[in-house]
């Protein structure tokens, strides 16, 4: 059976006063089920890291991005990803990508492999988060990780 891992990511947005302000969703793969929402209990999302399974060869299932963790307020809180029993090999955790001080995650971009009719499906193969200056910060440019 051909497995995929993460097929989409949804980020819920809020104002500086922590009022809900909608959400953004990455490109989505055709499989999967949304898991429950996880919320930063203090401040905002400021970093992330992914668990990625490298190419496994032609006779083993590839899934690419298996899981990810996020940090809130520069490491005050770490929120884990899906934590389900894997039906595939374990990948490796990347290093943390963290916004600069005075910034928080404000955008999302994913690369999603199109369904493969005769080949191995992987779904999300890459994730970029964007960091923007928060109110009162002197710099208004965007960073990408």
N, C-alpha and C. Protein backbone atom coordinates (compact mmCIF):
# COMPACT_ATOMS: atom_id res chain seq x y z
N UNK A 1 0.84 -1.18 0.00
CA UNK A 1 0.00 0.00 0.00
C UNK A 1 0.89 1.25 0.00
N UNK A 2 0.51 2.25 -0.75
CA UNK A 2 1.26 3.50 -0.85
C UNK A 2 0.76 4.46 0.22
N UNK A 3 1.65 4.89 1.11
CA UNK A 3 1.31 5.80 2.20
C UNK A 3 1.78 7.21 1.89
N UNK A 4 1.08 8.20 2.43
CA UNK A 4 1.56 9.57 2.46
C UNK A 4 1.58 9.98 3.93
N UNK A 5 2.24 11.07 4.24
CA UNK A 5 2.27 11.55 5.63
C UNK A 5 1.47 12.85 5.70
N UNK A 6 2.13 13.99 5.83
CA UNK A 6 1.41 15.27 5.93
C UNK A 6 0.94 15.68 4.53
N UNK A 7 -0.36 15.96 4.41
CA UNK A 7 -0.96 16.35 3.15
C UNK A 7 -1.35 17.82 3.10
N UNK A 8 -1.40 18.51 4.25
CA UNK A 8 -1.74 19.93 4.29
C UNK A 8 -1.43 20.49 5.68
N UNK A 9 -1.29 21.81 5.76
CA UNK A 9 -1.08 22.51 7.02
C UNK A 9 -2.01 23.72 7.04
N UNK A 10 -2.65 23.95 8.17
CA UNK A 10 -3.54 25.10 8.33
C UNK A 10 -3.04 25.91 9.53
N UNK A 11 -2.82 27.20 9.34
CA UNK A 11 -2.42 28.10 10.42
C UNK A 11 -3.57 29.04 10.73
N UNK A 12 -3.96 29.11 11.99
CA UNK A 12 -4.98 30.04 12.43
C UNK A 12 -4.30 31.34 12.83
N UNK A 13 -4.84 32.44 12.41
CA UNK A 13 -4.23 33.75 12.61
C UNK A 13 -4.96 34.51 13.72
N UNK A 14 -4.22 35.39 14.39
CA UNK A 14 -4.84 36.26 15.39
C UNK A 14 -4.16 37.61 15.37
N UNK A 15 -4.84 38.60 15.92
CA UNK A 15 -4.29 39.95 16.03
C UNK A 15 -3.34 40.00 17.21
N UNK A 16 -2.65 41.13 17.37
CA UNK A 16 -1.77 41.33 18.52
C UNK A 16 -2.54 41.19 19.84
N UNK A 17 -3.84 41.47 19.80
CA UNK A 17 -4.69 41.38 21.01
C UNK A 17 -5.26 39.97 21.16
N UNK A 18 -4.83 39.03 20.33
CA UNK A 18 -5.23 37.63 20.35
C UNK A 18 -6.70 37.41 20.00
N UNK A 19 -7.21 38.22 19.07
CA UNK A 19 -8.54 37.99 18.52
C UNK A 19 -8.38 37.18 17.24
N UNK A 20 -9.20 36.14 17.08
CA UNK A 20 -9.13 35.32 15.87
C UNK A 20 -9.31 36.17 14.63
N UNK A 21 -8.50 35.87 13.60
CA UNK A 21 -8.51 36.68 12.39
C UNK A 21 -8.50 35.80 11.14
N UNK A 22 -9.08 34.60 11.23
CA UNK A 22 -9.14 33.71 10.08
C UNK A 22 -8.02 32.68 10.08
N UNK A 23 -7.78 32.10 8.92
CA UNK A 23 -6.73 31.10 8.80
C UNK A 23 -6.19 31.09 7.38
N UNK A 24 -5.02 30.47 7.23
CA UNK A 24 -4.44 30.23 5.92
C UNK A 24 -4.16 28.74 5.81
N UNK A 25 -4.26 28.21 4.62
CA UNK A 25 -4.03 26.79 4.39
C UNK A 25 -3.02 26.63 3.27
N UNK A 26 -2.15 25.66 3.44
CA UNK A 26 -1.19 25.36 2.39
C UNK A 26 -1.90 24.66 1.23
N UNK A 27 -1.15 24.44 0.16
CA UNK A 27 -1.65 23.56 -0.89
C UNK A 27 -1.92 22.21 -0.24
N UNK A 28 -2.90 21.49 -0.73
CA UNK A 28 -3.28 20.25 -0.07
C UNK A 28 -3.12 19.05 -1.00
N UNK A 29 -2.72 17.95 -0.39
CA UNK A 29 -2.69 16.68 -1.10
C UNK A 29 -4.08 16.05 -1.04
N UNK A 30 -4.31 14.99 -1.80
CA UNK A 30 -5.65 14.41 -1.90
C UNK A 30 -6.05 13.49 -0.75
N UNK A 31 -5.14 13.11 0.11
CA UNK A 31 -5.42 12.14 1.16
C UNK A 31 -5.48 12.81 2.52
N UNK A 32 -5.85 12.04 3.54
CA UNK A 32 -5.68 12.47 4.92
C UNK A 32 -6.92 12.99 5.61
N UNK A 33 -6.73 13.21 6.91
CA UNK A 33 -7.76 13.70 7.81
C UNK A 33 -7.15 14.83 8.64
N UNK A 34 -7.90 15.92 8.85
CA UNK A 34 -7.40 17.01 9.69
C UNK A 34 -7.34 16.53 11.13
N UNK A 35 -6.24 16.82 11.80
CA UNK A 35 -6.10 16.53 13.23
C UNK A 35 -6.56 17.76 14.01
N UNK A 36 -6.73 17.62 15.31
CA UNK A 36 -7.21 18.73 16.13
C UNK A 36 -6.29 19.94 16.10
N UNK A 37 -6.87 21.09 16.36
CA UNK A 37 -6.12 22.34 16.37
C UNK A 37 -5.25 22.40 17.63
N UNK A 38 -4.03 22.90 17.47
CA UNK A 38 -3.13 23.13 18.60
C UNK A 38 -2.86 24.62 18.66
N UNK A 39 -2.86 25.18 19.87
CA UNK A 39 -2.81 26.63 20.05
C UNK A 39 -1.64 27.02 20.95
N UNK A 40 -0.92 28.07 20.57
CA UNK A 40 0.08 28.66 21.46
C UNK A 40 -0.66 29.28 22.64
N UNK A 41 -0.30 28.88 23.85
CA UNK A 41 -0.98 29.46 25.01
C UNK A 41 -0.41 30.82 25.39
N UNK A 42 0.79 31.12 24.89
CA UNK A 42 1.36 32.45 25.14
C UNK A 42 1.97 32.98 23.85
N UNK A 43 1.67 34.21 23.53
CA UNK A 43 2.25 34.91 22.39
C UNK A 43 1.94 34.22 21.06
N UNK A 44 2.95 34.14 20.16
CA UNK A 44 2.71 33.70 18.79
C UNK A 44 3.70 32.63 18.36
N UNK A 45 3.41 32.01 17.24
CA UNK A 45 4.28 31.01 16.64
C UNK A 45 5.55 31.71 16.15
N UNK A 46 6.72 31.21 16.58
CA UNK A 46 7.98 31.87 16.23
C UNK A 46 9.00 30.95 15.59
N UNK A 47 8.74 29.65 15.50
CA UNK A 47 9.70 28.75 14.87
C UNK A 47 9.10 27.39 14.60
N UNK A 48 9.84 26.58 13.84
CA UNK A 48 9.38 25.23 13.54
C UNK A 48 10.55 24.35 13.13
N UNK A 49 10.29 23.04 13.13
CA UNK A 49 11.21 22.08 12.56
C UNK A 49 10.38 20.92 12.01
N UNK A 50 10.92 20.24 11.02
CA UNK A 50 10.20 19.15 10.38
C UNK A 50 10.91 17.83 10.53
N UNK A 51 10.14 16.76 10.47
CA UNK A 51 10.68 15.40 10.46
C UNK A 51 10.49 14.88 9.05
N UNK A 52 11.60 14.58 8.39
CA UNK A 52 11.56 14.25 6.97
C UNK A 52 12.21 12.89 6.74
N UNK A 53 11.52 12.06 5.96
CA UNK A 53 12.07 10.77 5.55
C UNK A 53 12.69 10.95 4.17
N UNK A 54 14.00 10.73 4.09
CA UNK A 54 14.69 10.88 2.81
C UNK A 54 14.24 9.80 1.83
N UNK A 55 14.60 9.96 0.60
CA UNK A 55 14.26 9.02 -0.46
C UNK A 55 14.64 7.60 -0.03
N UNK A 56 13.73 6.66 -0.19
CA UNK A 56 13.91 5.30 0.29
C UNK A 56 14.26 4.28 -0.79
N UNK A 57 14.34 4.71 -2.03
CA UNK A 57 14.63 3.78 -3.12
C UNK A 57 13.35 3.29 -3.76
N UNK A 58 13.50 2.52 -4.81
CA UNK A 58 12.33 2.15 -5.61
C UNK A 58 11.44 1.07 -4.98
N UNK A 59 11.93 0.35 -3.98
CA UNK A 59 11.13 -0.73 -3.40
C UNK A 59 10.59 -0.42 -2.01
N UNK A 60 10.78 0.81 -1.54
CA UNK A 60 10.31 1.20 -0.20
C UNK A 60 9.48 2.47 -0.33
N UNK A 61 8.44 2.58 0.53
CA UNK A 61 7.51 3.70 0.47
C UNK A 61 8.17 5.01 0.90
N UNK A 62 8.01 6.06 0.09
CA UNK A 62 8.49 7.40 0.41
C UNK A 62 7.31 8.22 0.91
N UNK A 63 7.54 9.05 1.94
CA UNK A 63 6.48 9.92 2.46
C UNK A 63 6.91 11.37 2.62
N UNK A 64 8.19 11.68 2.50
CA UNK A 64 8.73 13.04 2.62
C UNK A 64 8.51 13.63 4.01
N UNK A 65 7.76 14.75 4.14
CA UNK A 65 7.56 15.38 5.46
C UNK A 65 6.56 14.54 6.26
N UNK A 66 7.05 13.96 7.38
CA UNK A 66 6.23 13.07 8.21
C UNK A 66 5.52 13.80 9.34
N UNK A 67 6.16 14.82 9.86
CA UNK A 67 5.67 15.45 11.08
C UNK A 67 6.36 16.80 11.21
N UNK A 68 5.86 17.66 12.07
CA UNK A 68 6.58 18.88 12.39
C UNK A 68 6.18 19.36 13.77
N UNK A 69 7.05 20.15 14.36
CA UNK A 69 6.82 20.77 15.66
C UNK A 69 6.95 22.27 15.50
N UNK A 70 6.23 23.02 16.32
CA UNK A 70 6.35 24.47 16.31
C UNK A 70 6.71 24.96 17.70
N UNK A 71 7.32 26.14 17.74
CA UNK A 71 7.60 26.75 19.04
C UNK A 71 6.86 28.07 19.13
N UNK A 72 6.42 28.36 20.33
CA UNK A 72 5.71 29.60 20.61
C UNK A 72 6.60 30.49 21.46
N UNK A 73 6.60 31.77 21.16
CA UNK A 73 7.35 32.77 21.91
C UNK A 73 8.80 32.35 22.16
N UNK A 74 9.49 32.00 21.09
CA UNK A 74 10.92 31.70 21.11
C UNK A 74 11.29 30.59 22.09
N UNK A 75 10.53 29.51 22.06
CA UNK A 75 10.87 28.32 22.83
C UNK A 75 10.19 28.19 24.17
N UNK A 76 9.35 29.15 24.56
CA UNK A 76 8.63 29.03 25.83
C UNK A 76 7.71 27.82 25.82
N UNK A 77 7.22 27.46 24.65
CA UNK A 77 6.30 26.33 24.51
C UNK A 77 6.60 25.62 23.19
N UNK A 78 6.66 24.30 23.22
CA UNK A 78 6.84 23.49 22.03
C UNK A 78 5.55 22.68 21.84
N UNK A 79 5.00 22.76 20.63
CA UNK A 79 3.79 22.02 20.32
C UNK A 79 4.13 20.95 19.30
N UNK A 80 3.87 19.70 19.68
CA UNK A 80 4.17 18.58 18.81
C UNK A 80 3.17 18.41 17.70
N UNK A 81 3.55 17.61 16.75
CA UNK A 81 2.71 17.37 15.57
C UNK A 81 1.71 16.25 15.78
N UNK A 82 1.68 15.33 14.85
CA UNK A 82 0.60 14.35 14.79
C UNK A 82 0.76 13.16 15.71
N UNK A 83 1.97 12.69 15.97
CA UNK A 83 2.24 11.59 16.89
C UNK A 83 1.28 10.41 16.71
N UNK A 84 1.30 9.82 15.54
CA UNK A 84 0.50 8.63 15.27
C UNK A 84 1.44 7.47 14.96
N UNK A 85 0.93 6.27 15.08
CA UNK A 85 1.75 5.10 14.79
C UNK A 85 2.10 5.09 13.31
N UNK A 86 3.38 5.13 13.03
CA UNK A 86 3.84 5.20 11.64
C UNK A 86 3.77 3.83 10.98
N UNK A 87 3.39 3.85 9.70
CA UNK A 87 3.37 2.64 8.89
C UNK A 87 4.56 2.64 7.94
N UNK A 88 5.54 3.50 8.22
CA UNK A 88 6.68 3.67 7.35
C UNK A 88 7.92 3.92 8.21
N UNK A 89 9.09 3.98 7.60
CA UNK A 89 10.34 4.21 8.32
C UNK A 89 10.33 5.59 8.97
N UNK A 90 11.10 5.71 10.05
CA UNK A 90 11.23 6.99 10.76
C UNK A 90 12.20 7.91 10.03
N UNK A 91 11.83 9.17 9.90
CA UNK A 91 12.71 10.18 9.31
C UNK A 91 13.55 10.85 10.37
N UNK A 92 14.24 11.90 9.98
CA UNK A 92 15.11 12.68 10.87
C UNK A 92 14.54 14.07 11.09
N UNK A 93 14.70 14.59 12.31
CA UNK A 93 14.27 15.96 12.61
C UNK A 93 15.28 16.95 12.05
N UNK A 94 14.79 18.01 11.44
CA UNK A 94 15.65 19.10 10.96
C UNK A 94 16.05 19.96 12.15
N UNK A 95 16.93 20.93 11.90
CA UNK A 95 17.22 21.93 12.92
C UNK A 95 16.05 22.90 12.99
N UNK A 96 15.97 23.65 14.07
CA UNK A 96 14.90 24.63 14.23
C UNK A 96 15.14 25.83 13.34
N UNK A 97 14.10 26.32 12.68
CA UNK A 97 14.11 27.59 11.97
C UNK A 97 13.30 28.55 12.83
N UNK A 98 13.92 29.66 13.25
CA UNK A 98 13.29 30.55 14.22
C UNK A 98 13.29 31.99 13.69
N UNK A 99 12.17 32.67 13.88
CA UNK A 99 12.06 34.08 13.49
C UNK A 99 13.03 34.92 14.34
N UNK A 100 13.44 36.05 13.81
CA UNK A 100 14.24 37.01 14.57
C UNK A 100 13.38 37.62 15.67
N UNK A 101 14.03 38.14 16.72
CA UNK A 101 13.29 38.81 17.79
C UNK A 101 12.40 39.91 17.23
N UNK A 102 11.22 40.06 17.78
CA UNK A 102 10.27 41.07 17.33
C UNK A 102 9.43 40.63 16.14
N UNK A 103 9.60 39.38 15.72
CA UNK A 103 8.85 38.84 14.57
C UNK A 103 8.09 37.59 14.99
N UNK A 104 7.12 37.21 14.16
CA UNK A 104 6.35 35.98 14.37
C UNK A 104 5.97 35.42 13.01
N UNK A 105 5.61 34.15 12.98
CA UNK A 105 5.20 33.51 11.74
C UNK A 105 3.94 34.20 11.22
N UNK A 106 3.95 34.57 9.94
CA UNK A 106 2.82 35.28 9.34
C UNK A 106 2.40 34.68 8.01
N UNK A 107 3.08 33.65 7.55
CA UNK A 107 2.73 33.06 6.26
C UNK A 107 3.26 31.65 6.13
N UNK A 108 2.80 30.98 5.10
CA UNK A 108 3.07 29.57 4.91
C UNK A 108 3.14 29.26 3.42
N UNK A 109 4.06 28.38 3.05
CA UNK A 109 4.15 27.89 1.68
C UNK A 109 4.57 26.43 1.75
N UNK A 110 3.92 25.58 0.97
CA UNK A 110 4.32 24.18 0.92
C UNK A 110 4.48 23.74 -0.53
N UNK A 111 5.31 22.74 -0.70
CA UNK A 111 5.45 22.08 -2.00
C UNK A 111 4.75 20.73 -1.85
N UNK A 112 3.78 20.46 -2.71
CA UNK A 112 3.01 19.22 -2.65
C UNK A 112 3.19 18.47 -3.96
N UNK A 113 3.63 17.22 -3.84
CA UNK A 113 3.76 16.39 -5.03
C UNK A 113 2.38 15.99 -5.53
N UNK A 114 2.16 16.14 -6.82
CA UNK A 114 0.89 15.71 -7.41
C UNK A 114 0.77 14.19 -7.29
N UNK A 115 -0.45 13.67 -7.21
CA UNK A 115 -0.62 12.21 -7.15
C UNK A 115 0.06 11.53 -8.33
N UNK A 116 0.74 10.44 -8.03
CA UNK A 116 1.47 9.68 -9.03
C UNK A 116 0.65 8.44 -9.41
N UNK A 117 0.25 8.33 -10.64
CA UNK A 117 -0.58 7.21 -11.05
C UNK A 117 0.13 5.87 -10.95
N UNK A 118 1.38 5.82 -11.35
CA UNK A 118 2.11 4.55 -11.37
C UNK A 118 3.35 4.56 -10.50
N UNK A 119 3.50 5.58 -9.65
CA UNK A 119 4.71 5.71 -8.85
C UNK A 119 4.31 6.02 -7.41
N UNK A 120 5.29 6.19 -6.55
CA UNK A 120 5.11 6.41 -5.13
C UNK A 120 4.62 7.82 -4.83
N UNK A 121 3.57 7.97 -4.01
CA UNK A 121 3.07 9.28 -3.59
C UNK A 121 3.75 9.73 -2.31
N UNK A 122 3.97 11.06 -2.17
CA UNK A 122 4.59 11.58 -0.95
C UNK A 122 3.80 12.70 -0.29
N UNK A 123 2.97 13.45 -1.00
CA UNK A 123 2.22 14.63 -0.50
C UNK A 123 3.17 15.80 -0.27
N UNK A 124 3.22 16.39 0.96
CA UNK A 124 4.08 17.57 1.20
C UNK A 124 5.55 17.16 1.22
N UNK A 125 6.34 17.85 0.38
CA UNK A 125 7.77 17.55 0.30
C UNK A 125 8.64 18.68 0.85
N UNK A 126 8.05 19.86 1.10
CA UNK A 126 8.83 20.98 1.61
C UNK A 126 7.88 21.99 2.26
N UNK A 127 8.36 22.67 3.31
CA UNK A 127 7.56 23.67 4.02
C UNK A 127 8.40 24.93 4.20
N UNK A 128 7.83 26.08 3.90
CA UNK A 128 8.43 27.38 4.22
C UNK A 128 7.46 28.14 5.10
N UNK A 129 7.96 28.70 6.18
CA UNK A 129 7.18 29.63 6.98
C UNK A 129 7.79 31.01 6.78
N UNK A 130 6.96 32.04 6.82
CA UNK A 130 7.41 33.42 6.66
C UNK A 130 7.24 34.14 7.99
N UNK A 131 8.21 34.98 8.33
CA UNK A 131 8.19 35.76 9.56
C UNK A 131 8.02 37.24 9.22
N UNK A 132 7.14 37.91 9.95
CA UNK A 132 6.91 39.34 9.75
C UNK A 132 7.09 40.07 11.07
N UNK A 133 7.41 41.35 10.97
CA UNK A 133 7.57 42.18 12.16
C UNK A 133 6.24 42.30 12.89
N UNK A 134 6.29 42.26 14.20
CA UNK A 134 5.09 42.49 15.01
C UNK A 134 4.96 43.98 15.27
N UNK A 135 3.82 44.40 15.72
CA UNK A 135 3.59 45.82 16.01
C UNK A 135 4.67 46.35 16.94
N UNK A 136 5.14 47.55 16.66
CA UNK A 136 6.15 48.16 17.50
C UNK A 136 7.58 47.78 17.13
N UNK A 137 7.74 46.82 16.19
CA UNK A 137 9.08 46.44 15.75
C UNK A 137 9.53 47.39 14.65
N UNK A 138 10.80 47.75 14.62
CA UNK A 138 11.28 48.76 13.68
C UNK A 138 11.34 48.31 12.23
N UNK A 139 11.43 47.01 11.96
CA UNK A 139 11.65 46.52 10.60
C UNK A 139 10.39 45.84 10.07
N UNK A 140 9.95 46.20 8.88
CA UNK A 140 8.71 45.65 8.35
C UNK A 140 8.94 44.66 7.20
N UNK A 141 10.17 44.21 6.98
CA UNK A 141 10.43 43.25 5.92
C UNK A 141 10.04 41.84 6.36
N UNK A 142 9.95 40.93 5.40
CA UNK A 142 9.56 39.55 5.67
C UNK A 142 10.77 38.65 5.56
N UNK A 143 10.86 37.65 6.45
CA UNK A 143 11.89 36.62 6.38
C UNK A 143 11.25 35.32 5.95
N UNK A 144 12.00 34.43 5.30
CA UNK A 144 11.49 33.12 4.93
C UNK A 144 12.39 32.04 5.50
N UNK A 145 11.80 30.97 6.02
CA UNK A 145 12.56 29.81 6.53
C UNK A 145 12.02 28.55 5.95
